[in-house]
Amino acid sequence: ALGLDSGGLHGRDLGLGGPALLRDLHHGRFVSSTLFGAAHAAPLFLCLSMIEIQMQRIAVKELLEQAQGLHKKGELDRAETIYHTILNLDPENIGLWFLLAQINMQRGNSGLAIHLFKGVVEKKPDFMEAWNNMGCAFKQQHLDKSAGYCFERCLALEPNNADFPSNISGLYVNNGTPEKVIEWADRAIALARCHPEGE
């Protein structure tokens, strides 16, 4: 985790009512043990815990939908704030770290994007989109060798996708190895012919 501030945005600010209900549920646990006695407190405690988990899932889903909508509109600051709010509830969600990396890519902050993408692929090595976007971030920093490695990982995951050898070919255009440009371009053309949809 980067420890970035979430901006103080919580579920109640979005009209979800989740945190208020969770507070009521915590209070309900206390009431269950004082009013109903210890014999009945445990089942009620379990029931309230299950309701709390379900409400948290609903809150996370609605928050994520709102954040992704803002992200698509280009409202990156607001989307990022909500992504961090969700991470407070679900810190191991790899998809959220990927989305934060995407935001930094869009801002041109490729260094931080690479750091985030690395964290994603360390935990989910088959996350092709993360490898591809990390390759693009390395390319922005003119780190062609690292970019090529990322695109080759993509090709290993999707061997029929012509985009990846095409990307690798592009890395060799300005480094004085035209034979590599041709080699990878030929691979891209062959794949595109045999697998037009990347199938």
C-alpha atoms as a PDB file:
ATOM      1  CA  ALA A   1       0.000   0.000   0.000  1.00  0.00           C
ATOM      2  CA  LEU A   2       1.164   3.524  -0.750  1.00  0.00           C
ATOM      3  CA  GLY A   3      -0.561   5.107   2.172  1.00  0.00           C
ATOM      4  CA  LEU A   4      -2.251   7.765   0.066  1.00  0.00           C
ATOM      5  CA  ASP A   5      -5.036   9.633   1.775  1.00  0.00           C
ATOM      6  CA  SER A   6      -8.506   8.614   0.655  1.00  0.00           C
ATOM      7  CA  GLY A   7      -9.766  12.194   0.922  1.00  0.00           C
ATOM      8  CA  GLY A   8     -12.194  11.413   3.734  1.00  0.00           C
ATOM      9  CA  LEU A   9     -14.880  10.080   1.401  1.00  0.00           C
ATOM     10  CA  HIS A  10     -17.040   7.423   3.004  1.00  0.00           C
ATOM     11  CA  GLY A  11     -20.136   5.443   2.057  1.00  0.00           C
ATOM     12  CA  ARG A  12     -22.480   7.889   3.803  1.00  0.00           C
ATOM     13  CA  ASP A  13     -21.238  10.697   1.521  1.00  0.00           C
ATOM     14  CA  LEU A  14     -22.471   8.681  -1.465  1.00  0.00           C
ATOM     15  CA  GLY A  15     -25.904   8.049  -0.035  1.00  0.00           C
ATOM     16  CA  LEU A  16     -25.348   4.340   0.537  1.00  0.00           C
ATOM     17  CA  GLY A  17     -26.180   4.320   4.242  1.00  0.00           C
ATOM     18  CA  GLY A  18     -23.729   1.479   4.809  1.00  0.00           C
ATOM     19  CA  PRO A  19     -21.553   2.791   7.677  1.00  0.00           C
ATOM     20  CA  ALA A  20     -24.581   4.007   9.671  1.00  0.00           C
ATOM     21  CA  LEU A  21     -26.161   0.582   9.392  1.00  0.00           C
ATOM     22  CA  LEU A  22     -22.902  -1.079  10.398  1.00  0.00           C
ATOM     23  CA  ARG A  23     -22.786   1.078  13.521  1.00  0.00           C
ATOM     24  CA  ASP A  24     -26.351   0.021  14.320  1.00  0.00           C
ATOM     25  CA  LEU A  25     -25.357  -3.600  13.880  1.00  0.00           C
ATOM     26  CA  HIS A  26     -22.444  -3.218  16.267  1.00  0.00           C
ATOM     27  CA  HIS A  27     -24.845  -1.684  18.780  1.00  0.00           C
ATOM     28  CA  GLY A  28     -27.222  -4.573  18.136  1.00  0.00           C
ATOM     29  CA  ARG A  29     -24.549  -7.012  19.236  1.00  0.00           C
ATOM     30  CA  PHE A  30     -24.420  -5.289  22.613  1.00  0.00           C
ATOM     31  CA  VAL A  31     -28.226  -5.279  22.913  1.00  0.00           C
ATOM     32  CA  SER A  32     -28.404  -8.956  21.979  1.00  0.00           C
ATOM     33  CA  SER A  33     -26.228  -9.991  24.892  1.00  0.00           C
ATOM     34  CA  THR A  34     -27.838  -7.680  27.452  1.00  0.00           C
ATOM     35  CA  LEU A  35     -31.510  -8.148  26.599  1.00  0.00           C
ATOM     36  CA  PHE A  36     -31.634 -11.725  25.362  1.00  0.00           C
ATOM     37  CA  GLY A  37     -28.959 -13.340  27.538  1.00  0.00           C
ATOM     38  CA  ALA A  38     -25.837 -15.266  26.673  1.00  0.00           C
ATOM     39  CA  ALA A  39     -27.693 -18.334  25.402  1.00  0.00           C
ATOM     40  CA  HIS A  40     -29.282 -16.387  22.522  1.00  0.00           C
ATOM     41  CA  ALA A  41     -26.503 -13.840  21.977  1.00  0.00           C
ATOM     42  CA  ALA A  42     -24.204 -16.095  19.926  1.00  0.00           C
ATOM     43  CA  PRO A  43     -26.735 -17.007  17.165  1.00  0.00           C
ATOM     44  CA  LEU A  44     -27.874 -13.396  16.908  1.00  0.00           C
ATOM     45  CA  PHE A  45     -24.259 -12.250  16.845  1.00  0.00           C
ATOM     46  CA  LEU A  46     -23.581 -14.614  13.929  1.00  0.00           C
ATOM     47  CA  CYS A  47     -26.683 -13.436  12.079  1.00  0.00           C
ATOM     48  CA  LEU A  48     -25.729  -9.780  12.507  1.00  0.00           C
ATOM     49  CA  SER A  49     -22.185 -10.524  11.364  1.00  0.00           C
ATOM     50  CA  MET A  50     -23.500 -12.107   8.172  1.00  0.00           C
ATOM     51  CA  ILE A  51     -25.741  -9.095   7.532  1.00  0.00           C
ATOM     52  CA  GLU A  52     -22.794  -6.767   8.110  1.00  0.00           C
ATOM     53  CA  ILE A  53     -20.648  -8.668   5.599  1.00  0.00           C
ATOM     54  CA  GLN A  54     -23.435  -8.547   3.017  1.00  0.00           C
ATOM     55  CA  MET A  55     -23.985  -4.817   3.521  1.00  0.00           C
ATOM     56  CA  GLN A  56     -20.256  -4.213   3.132  1.00  0.00           C
ATOM     57  CA  ARG A  57     -20.258  -6.137  -0.163  1.00  0.00           C
ATOM     58  CA  ILE A  58     -23.187  -4.065  -1.429  1.00  0.00           C
ATOM     59  CA  ALA A  59     -21.452  -0.834  -0.394  1.00  0.00           C
ATOM     60  CA  VAL A  60     -18.217  -1.863  -2.134  1.00  0.00           C
ATOM     61  CA  LYS A  61     -20.060  -2.793  -5.324  1.00  0.00           C
ATOM     62  CA  GLU A  62     -21.919   0.511  -5.493  1.00  0.00           C
ATOM     63  CA  LEU A  63     -18.798   2.509  -4.679  1.00  0.00           C
ATOM     64  CA  LEU A  64     -16.844   0.687  -7.384  1.00  0.00           C
ATOM     65  CA  GLU A  65     -19.530   1.315  -9.997  1.00  0.00           C
ATOM     66  CA  GLN A  66     -19.524   5.015  -9.167  1.00  0.00           C
ATOM     67  CA  ALA A  67     -15.719   5.228  -9.236  1.00  0.00           C
ATOM     68  CA  GLN A  68     -15.459   3.455 -12.587  1.00  0.00           C
ATOM     69  CA  GLY A  69     -18.087   5.770 -14.030  1.00  0.00           C
ATOM     70  CA  LEU A  70     -16.048   8.780 -12.922  1.00  0.00           C
ATOM     71  CA  HIS A  71     -12.881   7.155 -14.243  1.00  0.00           C
ATOM     72  CA  LYS A  72     -14.414   6.711 -17.690  1.00  0.00           C
ATOM     73  CA  LYS A  73     -15.468  10.374 -17.694  1.00  0.00           C
ATOM     74  CA  GLY A  74     -11.898  11.415 -16.958  1.00  0.00           C
ATOM     75  CA  GLU A  75     -12.626  12.604 -13.406  1.00  0.00           C
ATOM     76  CA  LEU A  76      -9.446  10.986 -12.155  1.00  0.00           C
ATOM     77  CA  ASP A  77      -9.126  12.694  -8.773  1.00  0.00           C
ATOM     78  CA  ARG A  78     -12.629  11.737  -7.669  1.00  0.00           C
ATOM     79  CA  ALA A  79     -12.271   8.208  -9.005  1.00  0.00           C
ATOM     80  CA  GLU A  80      -8.945   7.777  -7.220  1.00  0.00           C
ATOM     81  CA  THR A  81     -10.417   8.964  -3.929  1.00  0.00           C
ATOM     82  CA  ILE A  82     -13.181   6.391  -4.103  1.00  0.00           C
ATOM     83  CA  TYR A  83     -10.773   3.614  -5.130  1.00  0.00           C
ATOM     84  CA  HIS A  84      -8.757   4.317  -1.988  1.00  0.00           C
ATOM     85  CA  THR A  85     -11.933   4.331   0.095  1.00  0.00           C
ATOM     86  CA  ILE A  86     -12.785   0.866  -1.232  1.00  0.00           C
ATOM     87  CA  LEU A  87      -9.237  -0.331  -0.532  1.00  0.00           C
ATOM     88  CA  ASN A  88      -9.804   0.511   3.125  1.00  0.00           C
ATOM     89  CA  LEU A  89     -12.530  -2.147   3.035  1.00  0.00           C
ATOM     90  CA  ASP A  90     -10.809  -4.550   0.648  1.00  0.00           C
ATOM     91  CA  PRO A  91      -7.034  -3.913   0.703  1.00  0.00           C
ATOM     92  CA  GLU A  92      -6.148  -7.126  -1.152  1.00  0.00           C
ATOM     93  CA  ASN A  93      -8.290  -6.321  -4.198  1.00  0.00           C
ATOM     94  CA  ILE A  94      -5.810  -6.602  -7.092  1.00  0.00           C
ATOM     95  CA  GLY A  95      -8.260  -5.031  -9.541  1.00  0.00           C
ATOM     96  CA  LEU A  96      -8.317  -1.812  -7.530  1.00  0.00           C
ATOM     97  CA  TRP A  97      -4.530  -1.540  -7.532  1.00  0.00           C
ATOM     98  CA  PHE A  98      -4.640  -2.065 -11.289  1.00  0.00           C
ATOM     99  CA  LEU A  99      -7.159   0.770 -11.668  1.00  0.00           C
ATOM    100  CA  LEU A 100      -4.978   3.076  -9.560  1.00  0.00           C
ATOM    101  CA  ALA A 101      -2.037   2.226 -11.798  1.00  0.00           C
ATOM    102  CA  GLN A 102      -4.195   3.074 -14.812  1.00  0.00           C
ATOM    103  CA  ILE A 103      -4.994   6.475 -13.353  1.00  0.00           C
ATOM    104  CA  ASN A 104      -1.296   7.217 -12.916  1.00  0.00           C
ATOM    105  CA  MET A 105      -0.653   6.126 -16.496  1.00  0.00           C
ATOM    106  CA  GLN A 106      -3.306   8.584 -17.663  1.00  0.00           C
ATOM    107  CA  ARG A 107      -1.667  11.347 -15.643  1.00  0.00           C
ATOM    108  CA  GLY A 108       1.693  10.578 -17.213  1.00  0.00           C
ATOM    109  CA  ASN A 109       3.093   9.401 -13.888  1.00  0.00           C
ATOM    110  CA  SER A 110       4.624   6.278 -15.396  1.00  0.00           C
ATOM    111  CA  GLY A 111       7.045   5.667 -12.508  1.00  0.00           C
ATOM    112  CA  LEU A 112       4.282   5.243  -9.946  1.00  0.00           C
ATOM    113  CA  ALA A 113       2.207   3.296 -12.471  1.00  0.00           C
ATOM    114  CA  ILE A 114       5.074   0.820 -12.930  1.00  0.00           C
ATOM    115  CA  HIS A 115       5.398   0.429  -9.161  1.00  0.00           C
ATOM    116  CA  LEU A 116       1.691  -0.384  -8.890  1.00  0.00           C
ATOM    117  CA  PHE A 117       1.649  -2.712 -11.903  1.00  0.00           C
ATOM    118  CA  LYS A 118       4.605  -4.630 -10.432  1.00  0.00           C
ATOM    119  CA  GLY A 119       2.625  -5.180  -7.260  1.00  0.00           C
ATOM    120  CA  VAL A 120      -0.309  -6.460  -9.296  1.00  0.00           C
ATOM    121  CA  VAL A 121       1.655  -9.002 -11.341  1.00  0.00           C
ATOM    122  CA  GLU A 122       3.570 -10.203  -8.284  1.00  0.00           C
ATOM    123  CA  LYS A 123       0.267 -11.300  -6.778  1.00  0.00           C
ATOM    124  CA  LYS A 124      -1.397 -12.292 -10.063  1.00  0.00           C
ATOM    125  CA  PRO A 125       1.250 -13.285 -12.631  1.00  0.00           C
ATOM    126  CA  ASP A 126      -1.333 -14.100 -15.320  1.00  0.00           C
ATOM    127  CA  PHE A 127      -2.865 -10.596 -15.287  1.00  0.00           C
ATOM    128  CA  MET A 128      -2.148  -9.898 -18.955  1.00  0.00           C
ATOM    129  CA  GLU A 129      -3.539  -6.352 -18.998  1.00  0.00           C
ATOM    130  CA  ALA A 130      -1.220  -5.371 -16.158  1.00  0.00           C
ATOM    131  CA  TRP A 131       1.820  -6.743 -18.024  1.00  0.00           C
ATOM    132  CA  ASN A 132       0.774  -4.944 -21.205  1.00  0.00           C
ATOM    133  CA  ASN A 133       0.193  -1.601 -19.524  1.00  0.00           C
ATOM    134  CA  MET A 134       3.400  -1.909 -17.538  1.00  0.00           C
ATOM    135  CA  GLY A 135       5.186  -2.451 -20.850  1.00  0.00           C
ATOM    136  CA  CYS A 136       3.625   0.743 -22.164  1.00  0.00           C
ATOM    137  CA  ALA A 137       4.729   2.587 -19.015  1.00  0.00           C
ATOM    138  CA  PHE A 138       8.304   1.344 -19.433  1.00  0.00           C
ATOM    139  CA  LYS A 139       8.164   2.455 -23.070  1.00  0.00           C
ATOM    140  CA  GLN A 140       7.141   5.946 -21.918  1.00  0.00           C
ATOM    141  CA  GLN A 141      10.314   6.009 -19.837  1.00  0.00           C
ATOM    142  CA  HIS A 142      12.382   4.747 -22.822  1.00  0.00           C
ATOM    143  CA  LEU A 143      13.217   1.546 -20.940  1.00  0.00           C
ATOM    144  CA  ASP A 144      12.825  -0.632 -24.003  1.00  0.00           C
ATOM    145  CA  LYS A 145      14.374  -3.788 -22.564  1.00  0.00           C
ATOM    146  CA  SER A 146      11.935  -3.827 -19.650  1.00  0.00           C
ATOM    147  CA  ALA A 147       9.065  -2.959 -21.970  1.00  0.00           C
ATOM    148  CA  GLY A 148      10.008  -5.835 -24.265  1.00  0.00           C
ATOM    149  CA  TYR A 149      10.064  -8.255 -21.343  1.00  0.00           C
ATOM    150  CA  CYS A 150       6.536  -7.199 -20.383  1.00  0.00           C
ATOM    151  CA  PHE A 151       5.229  -7.607 -23.932  1.00  0.00           C
ATOM    152  CA  GLU A 152       6.868 -11.028 -24.173  1.00  0.00           C
ATOM    153  CA  ARG A 153       5.070 -12.041 -20.974  1.00  0.00           C
ATOM    154  CA  CYS A 154       1.842 -10.917 -22.629  1.00  0.00           C
ATOM    155  CA  LEU A 155       2.624 -13.007 -25.685  1.00  0.00           C
ATOM    156  CA  ALA A 156       3.260 -16.046 -23.481  1.00  0.00           C
ATOM    157  CA  LEU A 157      -0.190 -15.549 -21.935  1.00  0.00           C
ATOM    158  CA  GLU A 158      -1.939 -14.858 -25.267  1.00  0.00           C
ATOM    159  CA  PRO A 159       0.236 -16.458 -27.966  1.00  0.00           C
ATOM    160  CA  ASN A 160      -2.230 -15.722 -30.772  1.00  0.00           C
ATOM    161  CA  ASN A 161      -2.476 -11.996 -30.127  1.00  0.00           C
ATOM    162  CA  ALA A 162      -0.691 -10.066 -32.892  1.00  0.00           C
ATOM    163  CA  ASP A 163      -0.575  -6.841 -30.880  1.00  0.00           C
ATOM    164  CA  PHE A 164       2.281  -8.017 -28.694  1.00  0.00           C
ATOM    165  CA  PRO A 165       4.851  -8.885 -31.371  1.00  0.00           C
ATOM    166  CA  SER A 166       3.832  -5.645 -33.065  1.00  0.00           C
ATOM    167  CA  ASN A 167       4.608  -3.761 -29.841  1.00  0.00           C
ATOM    168  CA  ILE A 168       7.968  -5.518 -29.557  1.00  0.00           C
ATOM    169  CA  SER A 169       8.777  -4.676 -33.167  1.00  0.00           C
ATOM    170  CA  GLY A 170       8.160  -1.021 -32.418  1.00  0.00           C
ATOM    171  CA  LEU A 171      10.718  -1.073 -29.621  1.00  0.00           C
ATOM    172  CA  TYR A 172      13.506  -1.860 -32.093  1.00  0.00           C
ATOM    173  CA  VAL A 173      12.709   0.908 -34.568  1.00  0.00           C
ATOM    174  CA  ASN A 174      15.103   3.470 -33.094  1.00  0.00           C
ATOM    175  CA  ASN A 175      17.857   1.308 -31.631  1.00  0.00           C
ATOM    176  CA  GLY A 176      19.733   0.332 -34.779  1.00  0.00           C
ATOM    177  CA  THR A 177      18.527  -3.260 -35.130  1.00  0.00           C
ATOM    178  CA  PRO A 178      16.265  -3.251 -38.199  1.00  0.00           C
ATOM    179  CA  GLU A 179      16.458  -7.036 -38.446  1.00  0.00           C
ATOM    180  CA  LYS A 180      14.615  -7.273 -35.122  1.00  0.00           C
ATOM    181  CA  VAL A 181      11.989  -4.856 -36.366  1.00  0.00           C
ATOM    182  CA  ILE A 182      11.384  -7.096 -39.378  1.00  0.00           C
ATOM    183  CA  GLU A 183      11.491 -10.331 -37.356  1.00  0.00           C
ATOM    184  CA  TRP A 184       8.833  -9.237 -34.884  1.00  0.00           C
ATOM    185  CA  ALA A 185       6.761  -7.437 -37.511  1.00  0.00           C
ATOM    186  CA  ASP A 186       6.657 -10.650 -39.562  1.00  0.00           C
ATOM    187  CA  ARG A 187       5.461 -12.553 -36.496  1.00  0.00           C
ATOM    188  CA  ALA A 188       2.744  -9.987 -35.950  1.00  0.00           C
ATOM    189  CA  ILE A 189       1.595 -10.192 -39.582  1.00  0.00           C
ATOM    190  CA  ALA A 190       1.550 -14.006 -39.505  1.00  0.00           C
ATOM    191  CA  LEU A 191      -0.510 -14.054 -36.311  1.00  0.00           C
ATOM    192  CA  ALA A 192      -2.908 -11.450 -37.663  1.00  0.00           C
ATOM    193  CA  ARG A 193      -3.495 -13.574 -40.747  1.00  0.00           C
ATOM    194  CA  CYS A 194      -3.970 -16.848 -38.887  1.00  0.00           C
ATOM    195  CA  HIS A 195      -5.829 -15.387 -35.895  1.00  0.00           C
ATOM    196  CA  PRO A 196      -7.567 -12.177 -37.003  1.00  0.00           C
ATOM    197  CA  GLU A 197      -9.449 -11.932 -33.722  1.00  0.00           C
ATOM    198  CA  GLY A 198      -6.510 -13.007 -31.584  1.00  0.00           C
ATOM    199  CA  GLU A 199      -8.153 -16.373 -31.031  1.00  0.00           C
END
